[in-house]
Amino acid sequence: MPPPSYPPQPPHHQPGGYPGGGQWPPVPPSPAPLNAFAVVALVTSLVCLAPLGLVFGIVALRQISRRGERGKGLAIAGLSVSGAVLLLAAVLVPALDLKVWTVPARDDAGEVVREDWTTIDALDTGDCFTLDDKLPEKDSPSLFDSGVRVTPCDQPHRAELYASFALTGEEFPGRERIAALAWPRCAERFLDYSLDPAAFGRLQTYSFHPDEHGWLSGRRTVLCWAGRPGTARLDHSVRNDGADLTPAQHTFLTALKPLNVGSVLRPASGPRDDLAGATA
């Protein structure tokens, strides 16, 4: 072997500074931040908050264009879903006749001034309203949780609320017991509300009362209302406190009231089948 050269030469190194030679690999650029409004736009559109999704999507696209952020696809998707939901709602809502319950609009005297869908709890004495095309039968379930279409009494309607009273007790007495209590009290109170019921033709009294679930939640009120049997409608109030009567008419109807009460409360069965009821 040839003798080593003198002086010894240092080992050759490639520039860059890591074993094996070459330069450090280039560092990739950091990605642009994701626009938060783009994510929110898509999320709100998917959870049926289409108006918000539409607004957030527009804001996201403006920010992405100005800041160079990511999320344009998410924003466009949110806009597309929100637009489709709003378009579908615009087509279906008129066709389905969806009902939005509101607080009845009243004037200074407390009279209803326009037609609205509302809850039965929102009705006041003297309010006229419509349930549906069929009035409840004797064994119909409680309608206390239903909605009604309240309307001014000079417009066609099915019923009028004329009285209310509270029941007492802690335990639910049962539907039959409540109905037995409600019927005579509502019937008698109608004769206080309408002194001359015969002036309005054939009318029938009904009541809203709490079911067991309502009773346990604290409801104790019975609402009394009147309407025409069948599908006939009223176009005026059945309230008649005697203010428009002459003194002689008022005296006559006042004297006749006990007879009207007895007639209203008479049992459905005749004396041969229910002598005690007829006697009472």
Protein backbone atom coordinates (compact mmCIF):
# COMPACT_ATOMS: atom_id res chain seq x y z
CA MET A 1 0.00 0.00 0.00
CA PRO A 2 1.30 3.48 -0.68
CA PRO A 3 2.45 5.36 2.34
CA PRO A 4 0.08 7.91 3.78
CA SER A 5 0.47 11.45 2.66
CA TYR A 6 1.57 14.10 5.02
CA PRO A 7 0.11 16.12 6.45
CA PRO A 8 -3.18 14.18 6.74
CA GLN A 9 -6.09 15.80 4.84
CA PRO A 10 -9.36 16.49 6.69
CA PRO A 11 -12.40 14.55 5.52
CA HIS A 12 -14.37 16.17 2.76
CA HIS A 13 -17.85 17.44 3.80
CA GLN A 14 -20.75 18.49 1.60
CA PRO A 15 -22.27 21.85 2.38
CA GLY A 16 -25.51 21.74 4.29
CA GLY A 17 -24.53 20.20 7.61
CA TYR A 18 -26.20 16.76 7.96
CA PRO A 19 -24.62 13.31 7.52
CA GLY A 20 -24.73 11.99 4.00
CA GLY A 21 -24.34 15.34 2.36
CA GLY A 22 -26.93 17.60 0.70
CA GLN A 23 -29.01 20.52 2.03
CA TRP A 24 -31.82 20.56 4.62
CA PRO A 25 -35.20 19.78 2.95
CA PRO A 26 -37.40 22.86 2.42
CA VAL A 27 -40.06 23.52 5.07
CA PRO A 28 -43.60 23.35 3.55
CA PRO A 29 -45.66 26.54 3.94
CA SER A 30 -48.32 26.48 6.73
CA PRO A 31 -51.92 26.12 5.46
CA ALA A 32 -54.25 29.12 5.50
CA PRO A 33 -56.59 29.20 8.52
CA LEU A 34 -60.08 27.77 8.18
CA ASN A 35 -62.83 30.37 8.25
CA ALA A 36 -65.08 29.81 11.28
CA PHE A 37 -68.18 31.28 9.64
CA ALA A 38 -67.93 28.71 6.85
CA VAL A 39 -68.17 25.87 9.36
CA VAL A 40 -71.02 27.56 11.22
CA ALA A 41 -72.89 28.14 7.95
CA LEU A 42 -72.85 24.44 7.12
CA VAL A 43 -73.76 23.33 10.65
CA THR A 44 -76.71 25.73 10.99
CA SER A 45 -78.05 24.73 7.58
CA LEU A 46 -78.00 21.05 8.60
CA VAL A 47 -79.87 21.65 11.87
CA CYS A 48 -82.77 23.42 10.12
CA LEU A 49 -81.64 26.97 10.91
CA ALA A 50 -81.69 27.94 7.25
CA PRO A 51 -81.92 31.74 7.67
CA LEU A 52 -78.84 31.73 9.90
CA GLY A 53 -77.01 29.38 7.54
CA LEU A 54 -77.69 31.77 4.69
CA VAL A 55 -76.32 34.77 6.60
CA PHE A 56 -73.24 32.93 7.88
CA GLY A 57 -72.50 31.59 4.41
CA ILE A 58 -72.49 35.05 2.85
CA VAL A 59 -70.28 36.44 5.64
CA ALA A 60 -67.88 33.49 5.24
CA LEU A 61 -67.45 34.01 1.48
CA ARG A 62 -66.69 37.70 1.96
CA GLN A 63 -64.10 36.99 4.65
CA ILE A 64 -62.48 34.15 2.67
CA SER A 65 -62.12 36.39 -0.38
CA ARG A 66 -60.61 39.21 1.66
CA ARG A 67 -58.34 37.19 3.98
CA GLY A 68 -57.37 34.27 1.76
CA GLU A 69 -58.73 31.73 4.26
CA ARG A 70 -59.91 28.19 3.60
CA GLY A 71 -63.53 26.99 3.76
CA LYS A 72 -65.05 28.24 0.51
CA GLY A 73 -66.53 24.82 -0.18
CA LEU A 74 -68.12 24.64 3.28
CA ALA A 75 -69.61 28.12 2.87
CA ILE A 76 -71.07 27.26 -0.53
CA ALA A 77 -72.49 24.02 0.84
CA GLY A 78 -74.12 25.91 3.72
CA LEU A 79 -75.62 28.43 1.30
CA SER A 80 -76.92 25.67 -0.95
CA VAL A 81 -78.57 23.68 1.86
CA SER A 82 -80.07 26.80 3.45
CA GLY A 83 -81.44 27.99 0.13
CA ALA A 84 -82.99 24.62 -0.58
CA VAL A 85 -84.62 24.49 2.87
CA LEU A 86 -86.06 28.01 2.51
CA LEU A 87 -87.36 27.26 -0.98
CA LEU A 88 -88.98 24.04 0.24
CA ALA A 89 -90.57 25.87 3.18
CA ALA A 90 -91.95 28.55 0.85
CA VAL A 91 -93.67 25.82 -1.16
CA LEU A 92 -94.90 23.61 1.70
CA VAL A 93 -96.06 26.13 4.33
CA PRO A 94 -98.99 27.50 2.27
CA ALA A 95 -99.94 23.99 1.17
CA LEU A 96 -99.88 22.51 4.68
CA ASP A 97 -101.61 25.46 6.37
CA LEU A 98 -99.24 25.29 9.34
CA LYS A 99 -100.59 26.85 12.51
CA VAL A 100 -98.43 29.19 14.58
CA TRP A 101 -99.91 29.80 18.03
CA THR A 102 -99.71 33.40 19.22
CA VAL A 103 -101.13 35.58 21.97
CA PRO A 104 -104.48 37.01 20.78
CA ALA A 105 -104.37 40.64 19.66
CA ARG A 106 -106.81 42.71 21.73
CA ASP A 107 -107.99 46.30 21.88
CA ASP A 108 -108.13 48.46 25.00
CA ALA A 109 -111.42 46.85 26.04
CA GLY A 110 -109.92 43.36 25.80
CA GLU A 111 -111.84 42.41 22.63
CA VAL A 112 -110.12 40.26 20.02
CA VAL A 113 -109.35 42.39 16.95
CA ARG A 114 -108.08 39.82 14.44
CA GLU A 115 -108.08 36.11 13.78
CA ASP A 116 -105.16 34.19 15.32
CA TRP A 117 -104.25 30.64 16.27
CA THR A 118 -103.74 30.42 20.00
CA THR A 119 -103.85 28.00 22.91
CA ILE A 120 -106.98 27.30 24.91
CA ASP A 121 -105.18 28.65 27.98
CA ALA A 122 -104.99 32.08 26.30
CA LEU A 123 -108.78 32.42 25.95
CA ASP A 124 -110.71 34.92 28.06
CA THR A 125 -114.41 35.06 28.89
CA GLY A 126 -116.25 36.47 25.90
CA ASP A 127 -113.76 35.20 23.30
CA CYS A 128 -115.20 33.63 20.16
CA PHE A 129 -113.26 30.83 18.50
CA THR A 130 -113.33 27.82 16.19
CA LEU A 131 -112.04 24.32 16.92
CA ASP A 132 -112.47 22.26 13.75
CA ASP A 133 -115.29 20.95 11.58
CA LYS A 134 -116.59 18.63 14.29
CA LEU A 135 -117.54 19.58 17.83
CA PRO A 136 -116.52 17.19 20.62
CA GLU A 137 -118.83 14.40 21.64
CA LYS A 138 -119.63 13.41 25.22
CA ASP A 139 -116.81 10.88 25.38
CA SER A 140 -114.25 12.97 23.48
CA PRO A 141 -110.87 13.30 25.16
CA SER A 142 -109.99 16.50 26.94
CA LEU A 143 -109.11 19.29 24.54
CA PHE A 144 -107.29 21.44 27.07
CA ASP A 145 -103.97 21.08 25.25
CA SER A 146 -105.36 21.85 21.82
CA GLY A 147 -105.18 25.02 19.80
CA VAL A 148 -108.10 27.14 18.62
CA ARG A 149 -108.58 29.85 16.05
CA VAL A 150 -109.74 32.89 18.00
CA THR A 151 -111.68 35.50 16.01
CA PRO A 152 -113.72 38.68 16.52
CA CYS A 153 -117.25 37.72 17.50
CA ASP A 154 -118.81 39.55 14.53
CA GLN A 155 -117.09 37.08 12.19
CA PRO A 156 -118.23 33.45 11.63
CA HIS A 157 -117.11 31.16 14.46
CA ARG A 158 -118.11 27.91 16.14
CA ALA A 159 -118.05 28.70 19.86
CA GLU A 160 -117.84 31.31 22.58
CA LEU A 161 -116.19 31.07 25.99
CA TYR A 162 -118.61 32.36 28.61
CA ALA A 163 -117.37 31.23 32.07
CA SER A 164 -114.68 29.40 34.02
CA PHE A 165 -114.29 27.98 37.51
CA ALA A 166 -111.64 26.16 39.51
CA LEU A 167 -111.80 22.66 40.93
CA THR A 168 -110.25 21.70 44.25
CA GLY A 169 -108.46 18.65 45.57
CA GLU A 170 -105.06 17.06 45.31
CA GLU A 171 -105.88 13.73 43.66
CA PHE A 172 -107.19 13.56 40.11
CA PRO A 173 -110.93 12.78 40.44
CA GLY A 174 -111.19 11.14 37.02
CA ARG A 175 -112.72 12.35 33.77
CA GLU A 176 -116.22 11.14 34.56
CA ARG A 177 -116.27 12.90 37.92
CA ILE A 178 -114.99 16.15 36.41
CA ALA A 179 -117.56 15.96 33.63
CA ALA A 180 -120.33 15.39 36.19
CA LEU A 181 -119.19 18.48 38.09
CA ALA A 182 -118.64 20.63 35.01
CA TRP A 183 -121.97 20.00 33.29
CA PRO A 184 -124.38 21.57 35.80
CA ARG A 185 -122.04 24.42 36.73
CA CYS A 186 -121.40 25.37 33.10
CA ALA A 187 -125.10 25.10 32.25
CA GLU A 188 -126.14 27.38 35.11
CA ARG A 189 -123.41 29.91 34.37
CA PHE A 190 -124.56 30.19 30.78
CA LEU A 191 -127.90 31.54 31.99
CA ASP A 192 -125.97 34.25 33.83
CA TYR A 193 -124.04 35.07 30.64
CA SER A 194 -127.04 34.95 28.32
CA LEU A 195 -130.24 35.92 30.09
CA ASP A 196 -132.41 35.01 27.10
CA PRO A 197 -130.70 32.03 25.39
CA ALA A 198 -133.78 31.28 23.29
CA ALA A 199 -133.09 34.48 21.35
CA PHE A 200 -130.07 32.82 19.71
CA GLY A 201 -131.71 29.61 18.58
CA ARG A 202 -130.48 26.17 19.54
CA LEU A 203 -127.27 26.25 21.57
CA GLN A 204 -125.37 23.63 23.51
CA THR A 205 -122.85 24.04 26.31
CA TYR A 206 -119.48 22.29 26.44
CA SER A 207 -116.43 22.43 28.65
CA PHE A 208 -112.66 22.17 28.53
CA HIS A 209 -111.22 20.44 31.57
CA PRO A 210 -107.81 19.12 32.56
CA ASP A 211 -106.89 15.50 31.94
CA GLU A 212 -104.78 13.55 34.42
CA HIS A 213 -101.52 14.89 33.03
CA GLY A 214 -102.82 18.47 33.22
CA TRP A 215 -104.11 17.90 36.75
CA LEU A 216 -100.72 16.67 37.94
CA SER A 217 -99.08 19.75 36.39
CA GLY A 218 -101.34 22.02 38.45
CA ARG A 219 -104.31 22.71 36.20
CA ARG A 220 -107.62 22.93 38.04
CA THR A 221 -109.68 25.24 35.79
CA VAL A 222 -112.76 24.26 33.82
CA LEU A 223 -113.62 26.48 30.84
CA CYS A 224 -117.27 26.67 29.80
CA TRP A 225 -118.22 27.46 26.23
CA ALA A 226 -121.28 27.34 24.00
CA GLY A 227 -121.85 26.56 20.34
CA ARG A 228 -124.43 25.30 17.91
CA PRO A 229 -124.65 21.51 17.58
CA GLY A 230 -123.51 20.06 14.27
CA THR A 231 -121.69 22.25 11.76
CA ALA A 232 -123.71 25.48 12.15
CA ARG A 233 -121.77 28.62 12.92
CA LEU A 234 -122.44 31.81 14.84
CA ASP A 235 -121.87 35.28 13.40
CA HIS A 236 -122.35 37.28 16.61
CA SER A 237 -121.84 37.00 20.33
CA VAL A 238 -124.38 35.14 22.47
CA ARG A 239 -123.69 37.42 25.43
CA ASN A 240 -126.87 39.06 26.74
CA ASP A 241 -126.71 40.59 30.21
CA GLY A 242 -130.09 42.29 29.84
CA ALA A 243 -128.72 45.77 29.16
CA ASP A 244 -130.78 46.04 25.97
CA LEU A 245 -134.00 44.75 27.55
CA THR A 246 -136.88 46.82 28.82
CA PRO A 247 -137.53 46.67 32.57
CA ALA A 248 -140.53 44.42 32.02
CA GLN A 249 -138.54 42.02 29.80
CA HIS A 250 -135.70 41.93 32.33
CA THR A 251 -138.11 41.21 35.21
CA PHE A 252 -139.80 38.43 33.25
CA LEU A 253 -136.55 36.67 32.25
CA THR A 254 -135.13 36.99 35.76
CA ALA A 255 -138.24 35.35 37.19
CA LEU A 256 -138.03 32.65 34.53
CA LYS A 257 -134.38 31.82 35.21
CA PRO A 258 -135.01 29.10 37.89
CA LEU A 259 -137.29 27.30 35.46
CA ASN A 260 -134.65 27.53 32.72
CA VAL A 261 -132.00 26.21 35.08
CA GLY A 262 -134.20 23.28 36.07
CA SER A 263 -134.94 22.57 32.42
CA VAL A 264 -131.27 22.62 31.47
CA LEU A 265 -130.25 20.36 34.36
CA ARG A 266 -133.02 17.82 34.01
CA PRO A 267 -131.73 14.26 33.65
CA ALA A 268 -131.63 12.67 30.24
CA SER A 269 -133.83 9.81 31.45
CA GLY A 270 -137.49 10.38 32.28
CA PRO A 271 -139.07 9.99 35.77
CA ARG A 272 -139.87 6.30 35.17
CA ASP A 273 -136.14 5.55 34.77
CA ASP A 274 -134.69 8.23 37.06
CA LEU A 275 -137.27 9.35 39.61
CA ALA A 276 -134.63 10.66 42.02
CA GLY A 277 -133.04 12.83 39.32
CA ALA A 278 -136.39 14.14 38.14
CA THR A 279 -137.39 14.93 41.73
CA ALA A 280 -134.16 16.78 42.36
